[in-house]
Amino acid sequence: MHHGMIVIPVFVLLLIRGIAGGTDDANMATVLREMFDGYDKTLPPKYDRVGFDKQVTVKINIFVHSMFSLSEAKMEYSMSMFMRERWVDERLKYNNTVNISRVELDKFYFESVWMPDMYILSEKESSYHEVTVPNKMLHIYPDGTVQYSAKVTGIFSCLMFLEMYPFDTQTCALELESYGHSTETMKFVWNENAITASPDIKFPQFEVKNYSHYNCDRDYYGIFYPCIGVSFILERQYTYHIIQIYIPSILTVILSWVNFWLDCTAVPARITLGLLTVLTMTTQSSAARANLPQVSYIKAIDYYMAVCLTFVFLGLLEFAFVNVLTRADSKQDKNQTNREEMQSNNSTHQCKCEIKSVSSTFQPYEKPTPGNLDTKRSTKSGFIPFLTSVSKRGSIGPRTVDKFSRVVFPLSFMLFNLFYWSYYFLVEHNLPGSHS
């Protein structure tokens, strides 16, 4: 008896809930039937009106779920986002006497409702998410307000200006435009909290600094089409480039200065060191530009790599100059030694030598000819004889050049670095590509 008294109320409760549930389903079916009775999705909501009253206002907001790739070479970025659109279609009004706050349409009805023909202007490739079900939502409120939401992942173009690379800040735009409706029939506006983003968005080399939205209505052949856009301000983190490019380049330039402390006669060592630093800088410069587009302007990193390559190349030329001076001095010392040996061997025939030397200094006059002039010019002019004559006068020597280079090269490189880093960190640079 006791158990029977418990079973009866439970049965009655289930029966009541079943009836109520059936009533809700019947009410929903009635609402949907009345809502789409005579509805034509091919016509916009205010097709039968005139003037500005014909314009449908579409409110849009975006939630950025993730930004996971940015390529300078292809000038593109990848992003996953939730796009939400809201507009009023009075033809879809329904009576809320059945206490239904909103109608959540099944995907079967998505193709039965008129929707704005919005597309992404900078899209390269995109898709809707289909796992495990299509990630789309369509709600209709009693006053005819329609809210549509979908998750979109795509690759979008981003025009980058790399003059300041790797100390640059890029502005990547996402613009939404109507394909077929002009501003006479449709208007795009940003909703409150137009752009929101997940706090977990991180790039390997970039930091998202700010978002800004703007209006970009466009004129095509005298017809204005609605357009709105959002700009993502991305600031590059240059720590990687400092560690992987700038510091090795500085060390390579410093290594090339070791040549100035090696002996002038250590030809194999100085040639090896000079060529090694030149080849290292060439490889480093190529690696720095490997992932960059082939633009027509010079980037900040190009200036630095070119100057570093110039310094190591000048260090190699300095050794060539010193080597020529060393050979000139060696030849002069050898000639001096030969003269001293000849004077010691012929000391007993001094008079005869003097007569011979005097007679050798006086030669009969010979009329100059073009051939003789060319021969004399070729034997007495040239870079090596000039260095020999300079070395004979004692005004410059190979060790003097090395000592001079030990001071001039480091000082010049320090001045260049002072100017370079001050220019790119202290001077404000206004580059195109941003939206106010």
Protein backbone atom coordinates (compact mmCIF):
# COMPACT_ATOMS: atom_id res chain seq x y z
CA MET A 1 0.00 0.00 0.00
CA HIS A 2 2.77 2.34 0.85
CA HIS A 3 4.60 1.65 -2.43
CA GLY A 4 1.42 2.13 -4.45
CA MET A 5 0.92 5.60 -2.99
CA ILE A 6 4.40 6.58 -4.23
CA VAL A 7 4.02 5.22 -7.77
CA ILE A 8 0.75 7.01 -8.52
CA PRO A 9 2.08 10.62 -8.03
CA VAL A 10 5.17 9.86 -10.11
CA PHE A 11 3.03 8.54 -12.95
CA VAL A 12 0.80 11.60 -12.78
CA LEU A 13 3.86 13.92 -12.82
CA LEU A 14 5.30 12.23 -15.89
CA LEU A 15 1.93 12.39 -17.62
CA ILE A 16 1.63 16.13 -16.92
CA ARG A 17 5.16 16.82 -18.18
CA GLY A 18 4.48 14.79 -21.31
CA ILE A 19 1.38 16.77 -22.03
CA ALA A 20 3.22 20.04 -21.36
CA GLY A 21 6.10 19.01 -23.60
CA GLY A 22 3.73 18.07 -26.33
CA THR A 23 2.02 21.43 -25.93
CA ASP A 24 5.37 23.28 -26.27
CA ASP A 25 6.21 21.35 -29.42
CA ALA A 26 2.78 22.09 -30.83
CA ASN A 27 3.16 25.79 -29.99
CA MET A 28 6.60 25.90 -31.61
CA ALA A 29 5.30 24.20 -34.73
CA THR A 30 2.46 26.70 -34.86
CA VAL A 31 4.86 29.63 -34.49
CA LEU A 32 7.12 28.34 -37.26
CA ARG A 33 4.18 27.67 -39.54
CA GLU A 34 2.78 31.15 -39.06
CA MET A 35 6.25 32.72 -39.32
CA PHE A 36 7.13 31.30 -42.72
CA ASP A 37 3.60 31.38 -44.17
CA GLY A 38 3.96 33.52 -47.31
CA TYR A 39 7.59 34.43 -46.48
CA ASP A 40 9.88 35.06 -49.50
CA LYS A 41 13.59 34.80 -48.68
CA THR A 42 14.59 36.25 -52.06
CA LEU A 43 13.33 39.70 -51.07
CA PRO A 44 15.00 41.93 -48.45
CA PRO A 45 12.99 42.82 -45.33
CA LYS A 46 11.98 46.35 -46.49
CA TYR A 47 11.68 45.77 -50.20
CA ASP A 48 8.24 47.45 -50.35
CA ARG A 49 9.35 50.74 -48.80
CA VAL A 50 10.89 53.87 -50.28
CA GLY A 51 13.70 56.26 -49.40
CA PHE A 52 15.85 55.74 -46.34
CA ASP A 53 13.13 53.62 -44.77
CA LYS A 54 14.09 50.93 -47.26
CA GLN A 55 17.56 50.55 -45.74
CA VAL A 56 18.20 47.46 -43.59
CA THR A 57 20.67 48.11 -40.77
CA VAL A 58 22.92 45.11 -40.09
CA LYS A 59 24.80 45.26 -36.79
CA ILE A 60 28.00 43.23 -36.67
CA ASN A 61 30.45 42.20 -33.99
CA ILE A 62 33.38 39.78 -34.05
CA PHE A 63 34.95 37.60 -31.40
CA VAL A 64 38.50 36.60 -32.38
CA HIS A 65 39.09 33.10 -31.08
CA SER A 66 42.68 32.69 -32.28
CA MET A 67 45.30 34.16 -34.60
CA PHE A 68 47.83 31.46 -35.23
CA SER A 69 49.99 32.34 -38.22
CA LEU A 70 51.48 35.36 -39.96
CA SER A 71 53.71 35.14 -43.03
CA GLU A 72 55.79 38.08 -44.27
CA ALA A 73 56.75 36.25 -47.47
CA LYS A 74 53.11 35.69 -48.51
CA MET A 75 51.80 38.79 -46.70
CA GLU A 76 48.94 36.94 -45.05
CA TYR A 77 47.66 35.90 -41.63
CA SER A 78 45.36 33.16 -40.35
CA MET A 79 42.53 33.69 -37.93
CA SER A 80 39.59 31.85 -36.39
CA MET A 81 36.62 33.97 -35.29
CA PHE A 82 32.93 34.06 -34.46
CA MET A 83 31.03 36.43 -36.74
CA ARG A 84 27.69 37.69 -35.43
CA GLU A 85 25.11 39.61 -37.47
CA ARG A 86 21.87 41.13 -36.23
CA TRP A 87 19.10 42.75 -38.27
CA VAL A 88 15.33 43.23 -38.11
CA ASP A 89 13.00 41.40 -40.48
CA GLU A 90 9.45 42.42 -39.51
CA ARG A 91 8.00 39.66 -41.68
CA LEU A 92 9.28 37.16 -39.08
CA LYS A 93 7.43 38.68 -36.10
CA TYR A 94 5.45 36.25 -34.00
CA ASN A 95 3.01 36.48 -31.10
CA ASN A 96 4.75 35.80 -27.79
CA THR A 97 1.62 34.62 -25.95
CA VAL A 98 3.11 31.14 -25.68
CA ASN A 99 6.06 32.53 -23.65
CA ILE A 100 8.78 31.74 -26.23
CA SER A 101 11.56 34.31 -25.77
CA ARG A 102 13.28 33.37 -29.03
CA VAL A 103 13.03 30.76 -31.71
CA GLU A 104 16.19 28.72 -32.20
CA LEU A 105 16.00 27.51 -35.77
CA ASP A 106 17.38 24.17 -36.80
CA LYS A 107 19.95 24.09 -39.61
CA PHE A 108 17.11 22.86 -41.86
CA TYR A 109 15.60 26.39 -41.75
CA PHE A 110 18.85 28.28 -42.38
CA GLU A 111 18.25 28.34 -46.11
CA SER A 112 14.70 29.61 -45.60
CA VAL A 113 15.62 32.99 -44.10
CA TRP A 114 16.88 36.08 -45.95
CA MET A 115 20.46 36.96 -44.94
CA PRO A 116 22.80 39.83 -45.79
CA ASP A 117 25.18 39.00 -48.64
CA MET A 118 28.26 39.94 -46.64
CA TYR A 119 31.71 38.75 -47.72
CA ILE A 120 35.27 39.27 -46.51
CA LEU A 121 37.16 41.51 -48.90
CA SER A 122 40.68 40.39 -47.90
CA GLU A 123 39.89 36.68 -47.81
CA LYS A 124 42.25 34.27 -49.55
CA GLU A 125 40.79 31.03 -48.25
CA SER A 126 38.18 30.34 -45.56
CA SER A 127 35.70 27.74 -44.36
CA TYR A 128 32.92 27.14 -41.86
CA HIS A 129 33.47 24.60 -39.12
CA GLU A 130 31.46 21.40 -39.59
CA VAL A 131 32.61 19.24 -36.64
CA THR A 132 30.71 17.76 -35.00
CA VAL A 133 27.80 19.72 -36.42
CA PRO A 134 27.80 22.92 -38.52
CA ASN A 135 28.97 25.71 -36.20
CA LYS A 136 26.12 28.06 -37.09
CA MET A 137 23.30 29.59 -35.08
CA LEU A 138 20.13 31.41 -36.13
CA HIS A 139 17.77 32.94 -33.55
CA ILE A 140 14.58 34.90 -34.21
CA TYR A 141 13.05 37.16 -31.54
CA PRO A 142 9.37 38.16 -31.22
CA ASP A 143 9.91 41.63 -32.72
CA GLY A 144 11.45 40.10 -35.85
CA THR A 145 15.09 40.60 -34.83
CA VAL A 146 17.29 37.95 -36.46
CA GLN A 147 20.65 37.01 -34.97
CA TYR A 148 23.02 34.89 -37.00
CA SER A 149 26.37 33.56 -35.78
CA ALA A 150 28.97 31.33 -37.41
CA LYS A 151 32.52 30.23 -36.69
CA VAL A 152 34.88 31.00 -39.57
CA THR A 153 38.54 30.12 -40.00
CA GLY A 154 40.49 31.51 -42.91
CA ILE A 155 43.61 32.98 -44.42
CA PHE A 156 43.45 36.71 -45.08
CA SER A 157 45.78 39.05 -46.93
CA CYS A 158 47.73 41.70 -45.05
CA LEU A 159 49.68 44.37 -46.91
CA MET A 160 52.89 44.79 -44.90
CA PHE A 161 55.41 47.62 -45.02
CA LEU A 162 58.83 46.28 -44.05
CA GLU A 163 61.03 49.38 -44.17
CA MET A 164 61.47 49.13 -40.39
CA TYR A 165 61.90 45.33 -40.26
CA PRO A 166 62.59 43.84 -37.71
CA PHE A 167 61.52 46.84 -35.60
CA ASP A 168 58.22 47.25 -37.43
CA THR A 169 54.58 47.43 -36.39
CA GLN A 170 52.12 46.00 -38.90
CA THR A 171 48.45 46.84 -39.43
CA CYS A 172 46.37 43.96 -40.79
CA ALA A 173 42.84 44.81 -41.90
CA LEU A 174 39.71 42.67 -42.11
CA GLU A 175 37.01 44.33 -44.21
CA LEU A 176 33.39 43.16 -44.59
CA GLU A 177 31.42 44.32 -47.61
CA SER A 178 28.08 43.67 -49.27
CA TYR A 179 28.41 42.04 -52.66
CA GLY A 180 25.12 43.01 -54.28
CA HIS A 181 23.22 45.43 -52.04
CA SER A 182 24.02 49.13 -52.22
CA THR A 183 23.80 51.59 -49.34
CA GLU A 184 20.24 52.38 -50.51
CA THR A 185 19.00 49.02 -49.27
CA MET A 186 21.60 47.98 -46.67
CA LYS A 187 23.84 49.54 -44.04
CA PHE A 188 26.64 47.91 -42.02
CA VAL A 189 27.37 49.22 -38.54
CA TRP A 190 29.46 47.93 -35.68
CA ASN A 191 27.53 46.73 -32.66
CA GLU A 192 28.53 47.52 -29.10
CA ASN A 193 31.74 45.74 -28.16
CA ALA A 194 32.45 45.48 -31.85
CA ILE A 195 35.75 43.63 -31.51
CA THR A 196 36.58 41.27 -28.69
CA ALA A 197 39.32 38.69 -28.54
CA SER A 198 40.50 35.77 -26.50
CA PRO A 199 43.24 36.71 -24.01
CA ASP A 200 45.25 33.66 -25.10
CA ILE A 201 46.11 35.01 -28.57
CA LYS A 202 49.88 34.88 -29.05
CA PHE A 203 52.18 34.96 -32.06
CA PRO A 204 55.77 33.63 -32.04
CA GLN A 205 57.14 37.02 -33.11
CA PHE A 206 54.21 39.44 -32.75
CA GLU A 207 52.16 40.95 -29.98
CA VAL A 208 48.63 42.16 -30.62
CA LYS A 209 48.68 45.74 -29.34
CA ASN A 210 45.26 47.05 -30.24
CA TYR A 211 42.11 46.75 -32.34
CA SER A 212 40.31 49.55 -34.13
CA HIS A 213 37.23 49.56 -36.35
CA TYR A 214 36.27 51.95 -39.13
CA ASN A 215 33.84 52.54 -41.97
CA CYS A 216 34.94 51.92 -45.57
CA ASP A 217 31.90 52.36 -47.85
CA ARG A 218 33.11 52.01 -51.42
CA ASP A 219 32.09 53.55 -54.71
CA TYR A 220 31.89 51.15 -57.66
CA TYR A 221 30.85 52.86 -60.89
CA GLY A 222 28.84 55.50 -59.05
CA ILE A 223 27.10 53.05 -56.69
CA PHE A 224 28.07 53.00 -53.02
CA TYR A 225 28.25 49.64 -51.26
CA PRO A 226 28.30 49.24 -47.47
CA CYS A 227 31.64 48.25 -45.94
CA ILE A 228 33.13 48.15 -42.46
CA GLY A 229 36.59 47.09 -41.35
CA VAL A 230 38.73 46.27 -38.35
CA SER A 231 42.46 46.82 -38.00
CA PHE A 232 44.71 44.57 -35.94
CA ILE A 233 47.82 46.40 -34.71
CA LEU A 234 50.65 43.86 -34.47
CA GLU A 235 54.02 44.83 -32.97
CA ARG A 236 56.99 42.62 -33.81
CA GLN A 237 59.09 41.21 -31.00
CA TYR A 238 62.69 41.61 -32.21
CA THR A 239 64.49 39.58 -29.52
CA TYR A 240 64.93 36.68 -31.93
CA HIS A 241 66.61 38.88 -34.52
CA ILE A 242 68.92 40.44 -31.94
CA ILE A 243 70.11 37.02 -30.78
CA GLN A 244 70.21 35.21 -34.11
CA ILE A 245 71.29 37.95 -36.54
CA TYR A 246 72.61 41.16 -34.97
CA ILE A 247 74.89 39.72 -32.28
CA PRO A 248 76.53 37.12 -34.63
CA SER A 249 77.08 39.86 -37.21
CA ILE A 250 78.76 42.12 -34.64
CA LEU A 251 81.00 39.26 -33.49
CA THR A 252 81.95 38.46 -37.10
CA VAL A 253 82.99 42.08 -37.70
CA ILE A 254 85.04 42.08 -34.50
CA LEU A 255 86.66 38.80 -35.57
CA SER A 256 87.79 40.43 -38.81
CA TRP A 257 89.77 42.97 -36.76
CA VAL A 258 92.05 40.21 -35.42
CA ASN A 259 93.85 40.53 -38.76
CA PHE A 260 95.25 43.88 -37.63
CA TRP A 261 97.12 42.23 -34.73
CA LEU A 262 98.63 39.40 -36.79
CA ASP A 263 102.14 39.79 -38.18
CA CYS A 264 102.37 41.32 -41.63
CA THR A 265 104.19 38.26 -42.94
CA ALA A 266 101.51 35.79 -41.72
CA VAL A 267 99.93 35.69 -45.16
CA PRO A 268 98.06 32.32 -44.91
CA ALA A 269 96.52 33.19 -41.54
CA ARG A 270 95.38 36.67 -42.59
CA ILE A 271 93.95 35.47 -45.91
CA THR A 272 92.08 32.62 -44.21
CA LEU A 273 90.63 34.89 -41.54
CA GLY A 274 89.63 37.58 -44.03
CA LEU A 275 87.89 35.20 -46.42
CA LEU A 276 86.20 33.37 -43.55
CA THR A 277 84.62 36.54 -42.20
CA VAL A 278 83.48 37.71 -45.64
CA LEU A 279 81.84 34.35 -46.42
CA THR A 280 80.25 34.23 -42.96
CA MET A 281 78.70 37.67 -43.39
CA THR A 282 77.43 36.74 -46.86
CA THR A 283 75.75 33.62 -45.48
CA GLN A 284 74.32 35.53 -42.52
CA SER A 285 72.88 38.19 -44.81
CA SER A 286 71.21 35.58 -47.02
CA ALA A 287 69.71 33.82 -43.99
CA ALA A 288 68.27 37.11 -42.69
CA ARG A 289 66.36 37.62 -45.96
CA ALA A 290 65.30 34.00 -46.48
CA ASN A 291 61.73 34.40 -45.16
CA LEU A 292 61.09 37.90 -46.51
CA PRO A 293 59.43 38.98 -49.76
CA GLN A 294 61.53 40.45 -52.54
CA VAL A 295 60.46 44.06 -52.07
CA SER A 296 61.88 46.99 -54.02
CA TYR A 297 62.89 49.07 -50.98
CA ILE A 298 65.66 48.65 -48.41
CA LYS A 299 64.78 47.34 -44.97
CA ALA A 300 66.40 48.25 -41.67
CA ILE A 301 68.11 44.89 -41.42
CA ASP A 302 69.49 45.30 -44.97
CA TYR A 303 71.31 48.47 -43.97
CA TYR A 304 72.95 46.75 -41.02
CA MET A 305 73.98 43.62 -42.92
CA ALA A 306 75.38 45.68 -45.80
CA VAL A 307 77.50 47.81 -43.46
CA CYS A 308 78.79 44.73 -41.62
CA LEU A 309 79.71 43.09 -44.93
CA THR A 310 81.46 46.30 -45.99
CA PHE A 311 83.54 46.35 -42.80
CA VAL A 312 84.77 42.76 -43.18
CA PHE A 313 85.47 43.34 -46.88
CA LEU A 314 87.48 46.48 -46.10
CA GLY A 315 89.41 44.44 -43.54
CA LEU A 316 90.38 42.03 -46.31
CA LEU A 317 91.39 44.92 -48.57
CA GLU A 318 93.46 46.35 -45.73
CA PHE A 319 95.46 43.14 -45.63
CA ALA A 320 96.03 43.33 -49.40
CA PHE A 321 97.33 46.88 -48.98
CA VAL A 322 99.59 45.86 -46.09
CA ASN A 323 100.88 42.87 -48.06
CA VAL A 324 101.89 45.13 -50.97
CA LEU A 325 103.73 47.45 -48.58
CA THR A 326 105.46 44.46 -46.96
CA ARG A 327 106.68 43.17 -50.31
CA ALA A 328 107.83 46.64 -51.27
CA ASP A 329 109.85 46.94 -48.05
CA SER A 330 111.26 43.45 -48.52
CA LYS A 331 112.38 44.31 -52.02
CA GLN A 332 113.94 47.55 -50.81
CA ASP A 333 115.83 45.73 -48.02
CA LYS A 334 117.06 43.13 -50.48
CA ASN A 335 118.35 45.79 -52.88
CA GLN A 336 120.03 47.62 -50.02
CA THR A 337 121.77 44.41 -48.92
CA ASN A 338 123.00 43.72 -52.45
CA ARG A 339 124.39 47.23 -52.73
CA GLU A 340 126.22 46.91 -49.44
CA GLU A 341 127.75 43.58 -50.53
CA MET A 342 128.89 45.06 -53.83
CA GLN A 343 130.48 48.04 -52.06
CA SER A 344 132.39 45.76 -49.67
CA ASN A 345 133.67 43.50 -52.47
CA ASN A 346 134.81 46.40 -54.64
CA SER A 347 136.38 48.56 -51.93
CA THR A 348 139.87 48.04 -53.45
CA HIS A 349 138.67 49.35 -56.80
CA GLN A 350 136.96 52.45 -55.54
CA CYS A 351 138.37 54.80 -58.13
CA LYS A 352 137.51 52.51 -60.94
CA CYS A 353 134.01 52.12 -59.63
CA GLU A 354 133.62 55.87 -59.33
CA ILE A 355 134.77 56.39 -62.91
CA LYS A 356 132.45 53.65 -64.02
CA SER A 357 129.57 55.07 -62.06
CA VAL A 358 130.24 58.55 -63.40
CA SER A 359 130.47 57.30 -66.94
CA SER A 360 127.26 55.34 -66.47
CA THR A 361 125.38 58.40 -65.38
CA PHE A 362 126.20 60.30 -68.59
CA GLN A 363 124.46 58.85 -71.57
CA PRO A 364 124.11 60.30 -75.02
CA TYR A 365 120.96 62.19 -75.74
CA GLU A 366 118.31 60.09 -77.34
CA LYS A 367 115.40 61.66 -79.07
CA PRO A 368 112.22 60.48 -77.39
CA THR A 369 109.85 58.41 -79.41
CA PRO A 370 106.30 57.35 -78.64
CA GLY A 371 107.54 53.84 -77.96
CA ASN A 372 110.18 55.04 -75.49
CA LEU A 373 107.67 57.26 -73.71
CA ASP A 374 105.21 54.38 -73.29
CA THR A 375 107.99 52.09 -72.00
CA LYS A 376 109.19 54.65 -69.44
CA ARG A 377 105.66 55.36 -68.27
CA SER A 378 104.94 51.66 -67.84
CA THR A 379 108.10 51.11 -65.78
CA LYS A 380 107.88 54.22 -63.60
CA SER A 381 104.11 54.51 -63.09
CA GLY A 382 101.72 52.18 -61.33
CA PHE A 383 100.43 51.42 -57.84
CA ILE A 384 103.25 49.13 -56.64
CA PRO A 385 106.11 51.50 -57.67
CA PHE A 386 104.20 54.30 -55.94
CA LEU A 387 103.97 52.27 -52.74
CA THR A 388 107.65 51.43 -53.07
CA SER A 389 108.60 55.07 -53.37
CA VAL A 390 106.38 55.98 -50.42
CA SER A 391 107.91 53.21 -48.34
CA LYS A 392 111.43 54.39 -49.28
CA ARG A 393 110.65 57.85 -47.99
CA GLY A 394 109.64 56.28 -44.69
CA SER A 395 106.29 58.10 -44.49
CA ILE A 396 104.18 54.93 -44.24
CA GLY A 397 104.76 51.27 -43.53
CA PRO A 398 102.74 48.07 -43.18
CA ARG A 399 102.82 48.13 -39.39
CA THR A 400 101.74 51.77 -39.41
CA VAL A 401 98.69 50.84 -41.50
CA ASP A 402 97.81 48.04 -39.08
CA LYS A 403 98.10 50.35 -36.09
CA PHE A 404 95.95 52.92 -37.86
CA SER A 405 93.30 50.26 -38.67
CA ARG A 406 93.17 49.05 -35.07
CA VAL A 407 91.74 52.43 -34.11
CA VAL A 408 89.78 53.55 -37.16
CA PHE A 409 87.80 50.35 -37.80
CA PRO A 410 86.41 49.88 -34.24
CA LEU A 411 85.72 53.60 -33.86
CA SER A 412 83.84 53.77 -37.18
CA PHE A 413 81.79 50.69 -36.35
CA MET A 414 80.86 52.09 -32.93
CA LEU A 415 79.73 55.37 -34.49
CA PHE A 416 77.63 53.50 -37.04
CA ASN A 417 75.94 51.44 -34.31
CA LEU A 418 75.26 54.56 -32.28
CA PHE A 419 73.56 56.21 -35.23
CA TYR A 420 71.71 53.04 -36.31
CA TRP A 421 70.16 52.12 -32.97
CA SER A 422 69.35 55.75 -32.14
CA TYR A 423 67.59 56.22 -35.46
CA TYR A 424 65.38 53.14 -35.25
CA PHE A 425 64.55 53.38 -31.54
CA LEU A 426 64.41 57.11 -30.80
CA VAL A 427 63.04 58.58 -34.05
CA GLU A 428 59.31 58.21 -34.68
CA HIS A 429 58.55 56.74 -38.09
CA ASN A 430 55.18 57.26 -39.77
CA LEU A 431 54.53 54.53 -42.32
CA PRO A 432 51.44 53.91 -44.45
CA GLY A 433 48.99 51.15 -43.76
CA SER A 434 47.11 52.30 -40.66
CA HIS A 435 43.48 53.34 -40.35
CA SER A 436 42.39 56.19 -38.18
